Amino acid sequence: MNNLFWVDQTAKEVAERFGGRTKKLRTEMGLGASGIPHVGSLGDGVRSYVVSIALKGLGEKSEFIAFSDDRDGLRKIPAGMPDSLEKDVGKPVSMIDDPFGCHKSYAYHISSLLIRAFRMVDVKFRLKRANEEYAKGTLDKEITEILSKWQQAGEIIKRVTGQDKYLTQLPFLPICKNCGRIYTTRAYKFVDGKILYKCDLEFVGKNSSTGKEIVIKGCGIESEAGIRDGKLVWKVEFAARWRALKINYEAYGKDILDSVRCNDAICKEILNYEPPLHSFYEMFTERNGKKISKSAGNIFTPERWLRYASPASLRLLFLKRLGTSRVVDPDAIPAYMDEVDELARVYSGKVKVGNEKELEHMKRLHEYVNFLKPKEPTAMVQYGMLTTLFRIAKNKKIIVDMLKRTGHMPKEVGKNDETEIKKRIKYAENWVRDTIPEEKIEYALSESQKRSLVQLAAELKSKTFTEEELSSRLFEIAKENNLQPREFFEAAYVVLLNNRLGPRLAQFIIALGQKKVAKMLDRLTAGS
């Protein structure tokens, strides 16, 4: 391609930089294990996975590694988690019991949520857990080198971030032998493979549900730990991981920009390893501009998105533009669903794009949104139309019938198309039910309106109409009751749909069934 899509450009650069140095090129993401995963967490994985796919397309062997940071300590109790976790604040999340009792640990419970989301969007990955990798010595060599040159590491950290903390203490957090906490320990010496530390620090945690601050103080002991009895701090840990696992690519957001810069320097200057190629991406935000946070409770989870929309639409969110901050909430979803359809139509040639560069970009985006398994457009029904119809009709049978009658859906569809349409209808139904508040319209029927609806109910019970016949008769009923057509139709919509507007009334009645509508009118007008 003359104008390489960002994934292709990245894969090309990774292959040029690392190809031939290693048998298999590896992309990676850090998988947080302390807070509920949000859509941004999944985005890290999707971006790294598509680069891995692109590398294979270049003839390279490649794999995507999801690395669970489950030796990190619990700093905040995420909103919705039980208060019982307050006693565990400061402990490594892999060493905290699952408060719900369904997993091996709190860390396993949290990581299982993101692992499930990976599978829902068809991301293939190899999982590694920090607690297991530290315990079996995967990082031993890197830890030893960094701690042997800890003062140099401290100088690098100060140079990059301005932080001078690690000029006087080791960039390592021992797990206290006495209290089991990790953020209260201060490592001050590395000798003969042992780390000397004091558990004399204090930090303030938080219960995000209640806003309560939780002050954690060290237990005061002075002891020693082995290099497998704690963890490196983030400003050097990534570098150790990259070299130990031979990582060649990892994307990052600006929330860890300083950590990435530090680790790149640690890689080069202490570990003598070429750091992985990176892609920088902007963070997702709420509609008020606030950054989505795992611990603060203002999260939009992958599972929630996938309740309302397809995996392809979620993959599109992550892949279309890296350098643009975007709002993530239910209101954003219809546009992504419709854009997935537009990309498919462009790819198949059903929609023409005059600009060659834009056409090339849209086609490649479609391919990556489908993980290089592009799909032909199905019998698509615009998502925005479906949500509008559900707000009005709230009945699947009626909606399908109206779509067929208006030509927006073929009267006869193949099995695959039928399955896809049913999925879309369910997505739209969930979206409307969860996001549009149900409000009873304050509307008093006039005597003429009530009389016209009673007359309509009686005629629906006594005669079978065609849609054309019924359409004509509705206007006649309005006239016979001295009503303007608008007044009559508005009354019918309010009684039947709790809405002043609605679909074509004759079409609606035929789709739902004359007898059923007659019973609804009898019941609802009786109480008006």
Protein backbone atom coordinates (compact mmCIF):
# COMPACT_ATOMS: atom_id res chain seq x y z
CA MET A 1 0.00 0.00 0.00
CA ASN A 2 1.28 3.48 -0.88
CA ASN A 3 -0.35 5.05 2.16
CA LEU A 4 0.09 2.52 4.92
CA PHE A 5 -2.63 2.16 7.53
CA TRP A 6 -1.19 2.74 11.01
CA VAL A 7 -1.25 -0.99 11.85
CA ASP A 8 0.64 -1.88 8.68
CA GLN A 9 3.16 0.91 9.24
CA THR A 10 3.73 -0.22 12.82
CA ALA A 11 4.14 -3.88 11.85
CA LYS A 12 6.56 -2.89 9.07
CA GLU A 13 8.70 -0.91 11.53
CA VAL A 14 8.65 -3.74 14.11
CA ALA A 15 9.73 -6.27 11.46
CA GLU A 16 12.50 -3.99 10.20
CA ARG A 17 13.80 -3.31 13.70
CA PHE A 18 13.54 -6.78 15.24
CA GLY A 19 13.06 -9.24 12.40
CA GLY A 20 15.90 -11.77 12.32
CA ARG A 21 16.92 -11.08 15.92
CA THR A 22 14.36 -13.45 17.38
CA LYS A 23 12.41 -16.46 16.13
CA LYS A 24 9.07 -14.97 17.15
CA LEU A 25 8.04 -11.31 17.37
CA ARG A 26 5.92 -10.53 20.40
CA THR A 27 3.40 -7.79 21.07
CA GLU A 28 2.17 -7.14 24.60
CA MET A 29 -0.17 -5.29 26.90
CA GLY A 30 -0.25 -4.93 30.67
CA LEU A 31 -3.51 -6.24 32.04
CA GLY A 32 -4.55 -4.43 35.22
CA ALA A 33 -5.72 -6.73 37.97
CA SER A 34 -6.80 -4.29 40.66
CA GLY A 35 -9.82 -2.49 39.17
CA ILE A 36 -12.80 -3.40 36.98
CA PRO A 37 -11.65 -3.45 33.33
CA HIS A 38 -13.18 -0.74 31.13
CA VAL A 39 -13.28 -0.47 27.36
CA GLY A 40 -9.86 1.19 27.35
CA SER A 41 -8.35 -1.89 28.98
CA LEU A 42 -9.66 -4.02 26.13
CA GLY A 43 -8.39 -1.45 23.64
CA ASP A 44 -4.80 -2.08 24.72
CA GLY A 45 -5.23 -5.72 23.82
CA VAL A 46 -6.98 -5.19 20.49
CA ARG A 47 -4.28 -2.78 19.31
CA SER A 48 -1.45 -5.14 20.21
CA TYR A 49 -3.30 -8.09 18.71
CA VAL A 50 -3.83 -6.46 15.31
CA VAL A 51 -0.12 -5.59 15.12
CA SER A 52 0.60 -9.27 15.80
CA ILE A 53 -1.80 -10.23 12.99
CA ALA A 54 -0.11 -7.75 10.63
CA LEU A 55 3.31 -9.20 11.45
CA LYS A 56 2.08 -12.63 10.42
CA GLY A 57 0.90 -11.06 7.19
CA LEU A 58 4.49 -9.95 6.60
CA GLY A 59 5.66 -13.54 6.97
CA GLU A 60 6.85 -13.21 10.57
CA LYS A 61 6.03 -15.57 13.41
CA SER A 62 4.22 -13.55 16.05
CA GLU A 63 2.13 -13.76 19.20
CA PHE A 64 0.28 -11.40 21.50
CA ILE A 65 0.98 -11.64 25.25
CA ALA A 66 -1.44 -10.31 27.86
CA PHE A 67 0.54 -9.76 31.06
CA SER A 68 -1.55 -9.54 34.23
CA ASP A 69 0.01 -7.08 36.69
CA ASP A 70 -1.25 -9.07 39.64
CA ARG A 71 1.60 -8.31 42.02
CA ASP A 72 0.48 -4.71 42.16
CA GLY A 73 -1.03 -3.71 45.47
CA LEU A 74 -4.65 -2.77 46.05
CA ARG A 75 -4.63 1.02 46.44
CA LYS A 76 -8.33 1.67 45.95
CA ILE A 77 -11.38 -0.51 46.41
CA PRO A 78 -13.29 -0.18 43.12
CA ALA A 79 -16.86 1.09 43.28
CA GLY A 80 -19.24 -1.83 43.73
CA MET A 81 -16.74 -4.04 45.53
CA PRO A 82 -17.50 -5.06 49.15
CA ASP A 83 -16.20 -3.00 52.08
CA SER A 84 -14.60 -6.17 53.44
CA LEU A 85 -11.68 -5.44 51.12
CA GLU A 86 -10.64 -2.51 53.32
CA LYS A 87 -8.54 -4.88 55.44
CA ASP A 88 -6.58 -5.88 52.32
CA VAL A 89 -5.66 -2.44 51.04
CA GLY A 90 -1.92 -2.36 50.37
CA LYS A 91 -1.57 -6.09 49.76
CA PRO A 92 -0.70 -7.60 46.34
CA VAL A 93 -3.98 -8.34 44.56
CA SER A 94 -2.84 -11.91 43.80
CA MET A 95 -2.64 -12.51 47.54
CA ILE A 96 -6.14 -11.27 48.37
CA ASP A 97 -9.06 -13.72 48.51
CA ASP A 98 -11.78 -13.29 45.91
CA PRO A 99 -14.54 -11.51 47.90
CA PHE A 100 -17.15 -13.32 45.80
CA GLY A 101 -15.61 -16.75 46.33
CA CYS A 102 -15.68 -17.77 42.67
CA HIS A 103 -11.99 -17.46 41.77
CA LYS A 104 -8.60 -18.37 43.17
CA SER A 105 -7.94 -14.76 44.20
CA TYR A 106 -9.13 -11.19 43.80
CA ALA A 107 -6.65 -10.82 40.92
CA TYR A 108 -8.03 -13.88 39.14
CA HIS A 109 -11.56 -12.52 39.52
CA ILE A 110 -10.65 -9.14 38.00
CA SER A 111 -8.48 -10.52 35.18
CA SER A 112 -11.20 -13.03 34.28
CA LEU A 113 -13.44 -10.12 33.30
CA LEU A 114 -10.99 -8.85 30.70
CA ILE A 115 -10.11 -12.36 29.53
CA ARG A 116 -13.80 -12.95 28.88
CA ALA A 117 -13.99 -9.69 26.94
CA PHE A 118 -10.99 -10.75 24.82
CA ARG A 119 -12.82 -13.91 23.89
CA MET A 120 -16.02 -12.04 23.12
CA VAL A 121 -14.22 -9.92 20.51
CA ASP A 122 -12.15 -12.89 19.25
CA VAL A 123 -8.70 -11.72 20.42
CA LYS A 124 -6.19 -14.60 20.58
CA PHE A 125 -3.63 -14.23 23.35
CA ARG A 126 -1.18 -15.94 25.66
CA LEU A 127 -1.75 -15.03 29.30
CA LYS A 128 1.08 -14.52 31.74
CA ARG A 129 0.61 -13.51 35.37
CA ALA A 130 3.18 -11.37 37.20
CA ASN A 131 2.83 -13.31 40.44
CA GLU A 132 3.63 -16.59 38.71
CA GLU A 133 6.46 -15.12 36.61
CA TYR A 134 8.15 -13.54 39.63
CA ALA A 135 7.73 -16.74 41.65
CA LYS A 136 9.33 -18.99 39.04
CA GLY A 137 12.23 -16.65 38.36
CA THR A 138 11.37 -15.38 34.87
CA LEU A 139 12.60 -11.91 35.83
CA ASP A 140 15.51 -12.94 38.10
CA LYS A 141 18.29 -11.87 35.76
CA GLU A 142 16.70 -8.50 35.00
CA ILE A 143 15.92 -7.78 38.65
CA THR A 144 19.50 -8.57 39.64
CA GLU A 145 20.95 -6.28 36.96
CA ILE A 146 18.66 -3.39 37.82
CA LEU A 147 19.23 -3.67 41.58
CA SER A 148 22.97 -4.01 41.09
CA LYS A 149 22.82 -0.66 39.30
CA TRP A 150 20.02 0.86 41.34
CA GLN A 151 21.74 4.22 41.73
CA GLN A 152 22.09 4.52 37.96
CA ALA A 153 18.40 3.59 37.66
CA GLY A 154 17.58 6.31 40.18
CA GLU A 155 19.49 8.86 38.11
CA ILE A 156 17.60 7.83 34.98
CA ILE A 157 14.26 8.17 36.78
CA LYS A 158 15.24 11.63 38.05
CA ARG A 159 16.45 12.70 34.61
CA VAL A 160 13.25 11.59 32.89
CA THR A 161 10.61 12.48 35.50
CA GLY A 162 12.28 14.77 38.03
CA GLN A 163 11.48 12.30 40.82
CA ASP A 164 14.44 11.83 43.20
CA LYS A 165 12.90 9.17 45.45
CA TYR A 166 14.97 6.37 43.93
CA LEU A 167 18.28 8.12 44.52
CA THR A 168 18.04 6.91 48.13
CA GLN A 169 16.05 3.70 47.88
CA LEU A 170 15.90 0.69 45.56
CA PRO A 171 13.24 0.60 42.79
CA PHE A 172 11.83 -2.57 44.34
CA LEU A 173 8.84 -3.17 46.61
CA PRO A 174 9.33 -6.14 48.97
CA ILE A 175 6.22 -7.83 50.30
CA CYS A 176 6.47 -7.44 54.06
CA LYS A 177 6.98 -10.79 55.78
CA ASN A 178 4.99 -9.59 58.76
CA CYS A 179 1.98 -7.61 57.49
CA GLY A 180 1.88 -8.81 53.88
CA ARG A 181 1.71 -5.29 52.44
CA ILE A 182 3.77 -3.93 49.58
CA TYR A 183 3.45 -0.13 49.60
CA THR A 184 4.64 0.31 53.19
CA THR A 185 8.09 -1.21 52.55
CA ARG A 186 11.25 0.73 51.74
CA ALA A 187 14.15 -1.22 50.22
CA TYR A 188 17.46 0.43 51.06
CA LYS A 189 20.22 -2.09 50.24
CA PHE A 190 20.96 -4.95 47.85
CA VAL A 191 23.73 -7.28 48.96
CA ASP A 192 24.54 -10.92 48.12
CA GLY A 193 21.22 -11.32 46.31
CA LYS A 194 19.23 -10.10 49.33
CA ILE A 195 17.14 -6.96 49.63
CA LEU A 196 17.19 -5.22 52.99
CA TYR A 197 14.04 -3.28 53.80
CA LYS A 198 12.05 -1.53 56.50
CA CYS A 199 8.26 -1.59 56.69
CA ASP A 200 8.01 2.00 57.88
CA LEU A 201 6.13 3.90 55.18
CA GLU A 202 2.57 5.17 55.14
CA PHE A 203 0.13 5.61 52.28
CA VAL A 204 -3.51 6.53 51.94
CA GLY A 205 -5.87 4.16 50.16
CA LYS A 206 -9.51 4.72 49.38
CA ASN A 207 -12.90 3.03 49.25
CA SER A 208 -14.29 4.38 45.99
CA SER A 209 -17.88 3.47 46.89
CA THR A 210 -17.94 5.47 50.11
CA GLY A 211 -15.14 7.97 49.52
CA LYS A 212 -13.56 6.83 52.77
CA GLU A 213 -9.79 7.28 53.04
CA ILE A 214 -7.90 4.29 54.40
CA VAL A 215 -4.62 5.15 56.08
CA ILE A 216 -2.14 2.28 55.94
CA LYS A 217 0.98 2.40 58.12
CA GLY A 218 3.92 0.06 57.98
CA CYS A 219 4.23 -2.50 60.76
CA GLY A 220 7.74 -1.25 61.63
CA ILE A 221 9.79 -4.42 61.13
CA GLU A 222 13.20 -4.46 59.52
CA SER A 223 13.96 -7.56 57.49
CA GLU A 224 15.30 -8.95 54.23
CA ALA A 225 13.67 -10.36 51.09
CA GLY A 226 14.76 -12.33 48.07
CA ILE A 227 14.38 -11.00 44.54
CA ARG A 228 11.26 -13.13 44.10
CA ASP A 229 9.62 -11.77 47.25
CA GLY A 230 8.22 -8.53 45.88
CA LYS A 231 8.15 -6.58 42.64
CA LEU A 232 9.99 -3.90 40.72
CA VAL A 233 8.38 -0.47 40.62
CA TRP A 234 6.67 0.44 37.35
CA LYS A 235 9.40 2.85 36.28
CA VAL A 236 11.75 -0.10 35.80
CA GLU A 237 9.47 -3.15 35.72
CA PHE A 238 8.31 -2.77 32.13
CA ALA A 239 11.93 -2.83 30.96
CA ALA A 240 12.61 -6.05 32.89
CA ARG A 241 9.49 -7.62 31.44
CA TRP A 242 10.27 -6.51 27.89
CA ARG A 243 13.69 -8.09 27.95
CA ALA A 244 12.73 -11.26 29.84
CA LEU A 245 9.81 -11.96 27.48
CA LYS A 246 11.48 -10.50 24.37
CA ILE A 247 8.71 -8.01 23.69
CA ASN A 248 8.88 -6.01 20.46
CA TYR A 249 5.75 -3.86 20.53
CA GLU A 250 3.47 -2.29 23.13
CA ALA A 251 1.01 0.59 22.84
CA TYR A 252 0.50 3.04 25.70
CA GLY A 253 -1.68 5.94 26.79
CA LYS A 254 -0.54 9.25 28.18
CA ASP A 255 -1.40 8.17 31.74
CA ILE A 256 1.81 6.07 31.77
CA LEU A 257 3.90 8.25 29.45
CA ASP A 258 6.60 8.92 32.08
CA SER A 259 6.82 5.25 33.01
CA VAL A 260 7.31 4.26 29.36
CA ARG A 261 10.05 6.85 28.88
CA CYS A 262 11.85 5.67 32.00
CA ASN A 263 11.61 2.05 30.96
CA ASP A 264 12.86 2.75 27.46
CA ALA A 265 15.94 4.36 29.00
CA ILE A 266 16.41 1.54 31.54
CA CYS A 267 16.23 -0.95 28.66
CA LYS A 268 18.96 0.75 26.70
CA GLU A 269 21.28 1.99 29.46
CA ILE A 270 21.09 -0.78 32.06
CA LEU A 271 19.68 -3.91 30.38
CA ASN A 272 21.34 -3.34 27.00
CA TYR A 273 18.11 -4.28 25.22
CA GLU A 274 16.38 -2.47 22.39
CA PRO A 275 13.02 -1.34 23.83
CA PRO A 276 9.86 -2.29 21.97
CA LEU A 277 8.31 -0.05 19.36
CA HIS A 278 5.37 1.90 20.76
CA SER A 279 2.12 3.45 19.58
CA PHE A 280 0.75 6.34 21.61
CA TYR A 281 -3.00 6.65 22.01
CA GLU A 282 -5.31 9.17 23.64
CA MET A 283 -7.54 8.17 26.53
CA PHE A 284 -11.27 7.56 26.40
CA THR A 285 -13.43 9.97 28.39
CA GLU A 286 -16.93 10.40 29.68
CA ARG A 287 -19.18 12.95 27.96
CA ASN A 288 -18.26 15.50 30.63
CA GLY A 289 -14.58 15.14 29.71
CA LYS A 290 -13.59 13.14 32.79
CA LYS A 291 -11.14 10.30 32.16
CA ILE A 292 -12.59 6.82 32.51
CA SER A 293 -11.18 5.24 35.68
CA LYS A 294 -11.19 1.63 36.86
CA SER A 295 -11.29 2.51 40.53
CA ALA A 296 -13.51 5.59 40.52
CA GLY A 297 -16.57 3.72 39.30
CA ASN A 298 -17.13 5.86 36.18
CA ILE A 299 -16.37 2.92 33.92
CA PHE A 300 -17.95 1.67 30.74
CA THR A 301 -17.18 -2.02 30.51
CA PRO A 302 -16.67 -4.10 27.35
CA GLU A 303 -19.55 -6.32 28.43
CA ARG A 304 -21.87 -3.34 28.52
CA TRP A 305 -20.85 -2.18 25.04
CA LEU A 306 -21.36 -5.72 23.71
CA ARG A 307 -24.85 -5.82 25.20
CA TYR A 308 -25.74 -2.95 22.88
CA ALA A 309 -23.55 -3.51 19.84
CA SER A 310 -21.41 -5.91 17.83
CA PRO A 311 -17.78 -6.90 18.49
CA ALA A 312 -16.85 -5.24 15.18
CA SER A 313 -18.18 -1.88 16.40
CA LEU A 314 -16.05 -2.14 19.54
CA ARG A 315 -12.97 -3.05 17.53
CA LEU A 316 -13.66 -0.01 15.33
CA LEU A 317 -13.61 2.23 18.43
CA PHE A 318 -10.05 1.12 19.16
CA LEU A 319 -8.63 1.09 15.65
CA LYS A 320 -9.94 4.06 13.69
CA ARG A 321 -7.81 6.84 15.23
CA LEU A 322 -5.20 6.49 17.97
CA GLY A 323 -4.37 10.14 18.58
CA THR A 324 -7.91 11.38 19.20
CA SER A 325 -9.59 11.41 22.60
CA ARG A 326 -13.11 10.04 22.24
CA VAL A 327 -16.22 9.90 24.38
CA VAL A 328 -17.37 6.41 25.35
CA ASP A 329 -20.94 6.02 26.52
CA PRO A 330 -24.17 4.46 25.22
CA ASP A 331 -25.00 7.52 23.12
CA ALA A 332 -21.83 6.97 21.06
CA ILE A 333 -22.76 3.42 20.03
CA PRO A 334 -25.30 3.92 17.19
CA ALA A 335 -22.76 5.91 15.14
CA TYR A 336 -20.16 3.13 15.46
CA MET A 337 -22.65 0.46 14.43
CA ASP A 338 -23.64 2.46 11.37
CA GLU A 339 -19.99 3.17 10.50
CA VAL A 340 -19.19 -0.57 10.54
CA ASP A 341 -21.95 -1.02 7.94
CA GLU A 342 -20.65 1.87 5.86
CA LEU A 343 -17.13 0.40 5.83
CA ALA A 344 -18.53 -2.94 4.64
CA ARG A 345 -20.45 -1.27 1.81
CA VAL A 346 -17.38 0.69 0.76
CA TYR A 347 -15.25 -2.45 0.86
CA SER A 348 -17.68 -4.34 -1.37
CA GLY A 349 -17.96 -1.48 -3.84
CA LYS A 350 -21.62 -0.77 -3.05
CA VAL A 351 -20.67 2.74 -1.92
CA LYS A 352 -18.26 4.78 -4.03
CA VAL A 353 -15.56 6.95 -2.46
CA GLY A 354 -13.98 9.48 -4.80
CA ASN A 355 -10.81 10.14 -2.82
CA GLU A 356 -8.40 7.27 -3.48
CA LYS A 357 -6.46 7.76 -0.24
CA GLU A 358 -9.65 7.80 1.82
CA LEU A 359 -10.95 4.72 -0.01
CA GLU A 360 -7.73 2.85 0.73
CA HIS A 361 -7.91 3.83 4.39
CA MET A 362 -11.55 2.77 4.76
CA LYS A 363 -10.95 -0.59 3.12
CA ARG A 364 -7.97 -1.37 5.35
CA LEU A 365 -9.87 -0.23 8.44
CA HIS A 366 -12.69 -2.62 7.50
CA GLU A 367 -10.19 -5.47 7.16
CA TYR A 368 -8.65 -4.84 10.58
CA VAL A 369 -12.02 -4.28 12.25
CA ASN A 370 -12.72 -7.86 11.13
CA PHE A 371 -9.20 -9.10 12.04
CA LEU A 372 -8.25 -9.54 8.35
CA LYS A 373 -11.32 -11.69 7.71
CA PRO A 374 -13.36 -9.11 5.78
CA LYS A 375 -17.07 -9.66 5.51
CA GLU A 376 -19.51 -8.96 2.73
CA PRO A 377 -22.39 -6.71 3.76
CA THR A 378 -25.38 -8.68 5.04
CA ALA A 379 -29.00 -7.61 4.83
CA MET A 380 -28.17 -4.62 6.99
CA VAL A 381 -30.75 -2.67 8.89
CA GLN A 382 -29.46 0.67 10.08
CA TYR A 383 -28.93 0.58 13.84
CA GLY A 384 -30.17 4.14 14.27
CA MET A 385 -33.42 3.20 12.55
CA LEU A 386 -33.85 0.18 14.81
CA THR A 387 -33.39 2.21 18.00
CA THR A 388 -35.88 4.79 16.73
CA LEU A 389 -38.44 2.09 15.93
CA PHE A 390 -37.96 0.47 19.34
CA ARG A 391 -38.54 3.78 21.07
CA ILE A 392 -41.85 3.96 19.27
CA ALA A 393 -43.11 0.40 18.93
CA LYS A 394 -41.25 -1.64 21.58
CA ASN A 395 -42.35 -4.83 19.84
CA LYS A 396 -40.02 -7.03 17.74
CA LYS A 397 -42.76 -8.52 15.59
CA ILE A 398 -44.10 -5.11 14.65
CA ILE A 399 -40.63 -3.76 13.91
CA VAL A 400 -39.70 -6.66 11.64
CA ASP A 401 -43.01 -6.37 9.81
CA MET A 402 -42.57 -2.62 9.32
CA LEU A 403 -39.03 -3.08 8.03
CA LYS A 404 -40.24 -5.60 5.46
CA ARG A 405 -43.19 -3.48 4.40
CA THR A 406 -41.01 -0.38 3.93
CA GLY A 407 -38.31 -2.29 2.04
CA HIS A 408 -35.61 -1.72 4.67
CA MET A 409 -35.47 -5.48 5.16
CA PRO A 410 -36.00 -8.11 2.44
CA LYS A 411 -39.23 -10.07 2.74
CA GLU A 412 -37.17 -13.25 2.39
CA VAL A 413 -33.69 -13.42 3.92
CA GLY A 414 -31.07 -16.13 4.12
CA LYS A 415 -30.23 -17.87 7.37
CA ASN A 416 -27.04 -15.86 7.98
CA ASP A 417 -28.78 -12.57 7.28
CA GLU A 418 -31.68 -13.54 9.51
CA THR A 419 -29.28 -14.35 12.37
CA GLU A 420 -27.50 -11.01 11.93
CA ILE A 421 -30.77 -9.06 11.83
CA LYS A 422 -32.02 -10.78 14.99
CA LYS A 423 -28.77 -9.85 16.76
CA ARG A 424 -29.15 -6.24 15.70
CA ILE A 425 -32.73 -6.09 16.85
CA LYS A 426 -31.70 -7.46 20.24
CA TYR A 427 -28.84 -4.94 20.50
CA ALA A 428 -31.24 -2.09 19.72
CA GLU A 429 -33.84 -3.40 22.16
CA ASN A 430 -31.26 -3.57 24.96
CA TRP A 431 -29.99 -0.10 24.13
CA VAL A 432 -33.45 1.45 24.23
CA ARG A 433 -34.58 -0.37 27.37
CA ASP A 434 -31.40 0.54 29.27
CA THR A 435 -30.84 4.10 28.11
CA ILE A 436 -34.22 5.67 27.32
CA PRO A 437 -36.27 6.40 30.46
CA GLU A 438 -39.85 5.22 30.36
CA GLU A 439 -42.12 8.18 31.06
CA LYS A 440 -45.89 8.20 31.07
CA ILE A 441 -47.13 10.94 28.77
CA GLU A 442 -49.57 13.35 30.38
CA TYR A 443 -52.32 13.47 27.81
CA ALA A 444 -56.08 13.77 28.39
CA LEU A 445 -58.25 12.35 25.61
CA SER A 446 -61.13 14.52 24.49
CA GLU A 447 -64.55 12.92 24.30
CA SER A 448 -64.29 12.92 20.49
CA GLN A 449 -60.90 11.22 20.58
CA LYS A 450 -62.10 8.60 23.06
CA ARG A 451 -65.24 7.96 20.98
CA SER A 452 -63.18 7.56 17.79
CA LEU A 453 -60.90 4.95 19.43
CA VAL A 454 -63.86 3.00 20.79
CA GLN A 455 -65.31 2.99 17.26
CA LEU A 456 -61.96 1.82 15.82
CA ALA A 457 -61.81 -1.04 18.33
CA ALA A 458 -65.30 -2.18 17.43
CA GLU A 459 -64.57 -2.18 13.70
CA LEU A 460 -61.29 -4.05 14.16
CA LYS A 461 -63.21 -6.80 15.94
CA SER A 462 -66.01 -7.01 13.37
CA LYS A 463 -64.17 -6.82 10.05
CA THR A 464 -60.88 -7.95 8.51
CA PHE A 465 -59.10 -5.11 6.71
CA THR A 466 -56.28 -5.01 4.23
CA GLU A 467 -53.64 -2.40 5.05
CA GLU A 468 -54.91 -0.15 2.24
CA GLU A 469 -58.54 -0.48 3.35
CA LEU A 470 -57.65 0.23 6.96
CA SER A 471 -55.59 3.26 6.02
CA SER A 472 -58.57 4.81 4.25
CA ARG A 473 -60.97 3.87 7.04
CA LEU A 474 -58.81 5.56 9.71
CA PHE A 475 -59.19 8.93 8.00
CA GLU A 476 -62.93 8.36 7.68
CA ILE A 477 -63.25 7.55 11.41
CA ALA A 478 -61.45 10.79 12.26
CA LYS A 479 -63.80 12.79 10.03
CA GLU A 480 -66.93 11.04 11.40
CA ASN A 481 -65.90 12.13 14.92
CA ASN A 482 -65.16 15.73 13.92
CA LEU A 483 -61.43 15.31 14.42
CA GLN A 484 -58.50 16.47 12.38
CA PRO A 485 -56.43 13.43 11.25
CA ARG A 486 -53.56 14.66 13.45
CA GLU A 487 -55.81 14.64 16.54
CA PHE A 488 -57.04 11.13 15.84
CA PHE A 489 -53.64 9.63 15.10
CA GLU A 490 -52.05 11.36 18.09
CA ALA A 491 -54.71 9.87 20.38
CA ALA A 492 -54.08 6.38 18.96
CA TYR A 493 -50.31 6.68 19.39
CA VAL A 494 -50.62 7.92 22.97
CA VAL A 495 -52.95 5.06 23.94
CA LEU A 496 -51.09 2.31 22.09
CA LEU A 497 -47.45 3.47 22.28
CA ASN A 498 -47.28 6.09 25.06
CA ASN A 499 -45.95 8.46 22.42
CA ARG A 500 -47.38 11.37 20.45
CA LEU A 501 -45.75 10.04 17.28
CA GLY A 502 -45.52 6.60 15.77
CA PRO A 503 -45.22 4.48 12.64
CA ARG A 504 -47.93 4.41 9.98
CA LEU A 505 -50.97 3.44 12.04
CA ALA A 506 -52.56 1.06 9.54
CA GLN A 507 -49.25 -0.73 9.07
CA PHE A 508 -48.76 -0.91 12.83
CA ILE A 509 -52.21 -2.38 13.46
CA ILE A 510 -51.88 -5.02 10.72
CA ALA A 511 -48.41 -5.98 11.99
CA LEU A 512 -49.57 -6.35 15.57
CA GLY A 513 -52.92 -7.95 14.71
CA GLN A 514 -56.38 -6.38 14.57
CA LYS A 515 -57.85 -8.36 17.46
CA LYS A 516 -54.90 -7.63 19.72
CA VAL A 517 -55.06 -3.89 18.98
CA ALA A 518 -58.82 -3.92 19.60
CA LYS A 519 -58.29 -5.46 23.05
CA MET A 520 -55.57 -2.91 23.83
CA LEU A 521 -57.87 -0.06 22.83
CA ASP A 522 -60.76 -1.46 24.91
CA ARG A 523 -58.54 -1.80 27.96
CA LEU A 524 -56.69 1.49 27.65
CA THR A 525 -59.60 3.75 26.69
CA ALA A 526 -61.67 2.35 29.53
CA GLY A 527 -59.27 3.93 32.02
CA SER A 528 -58.69 7.20 30.18
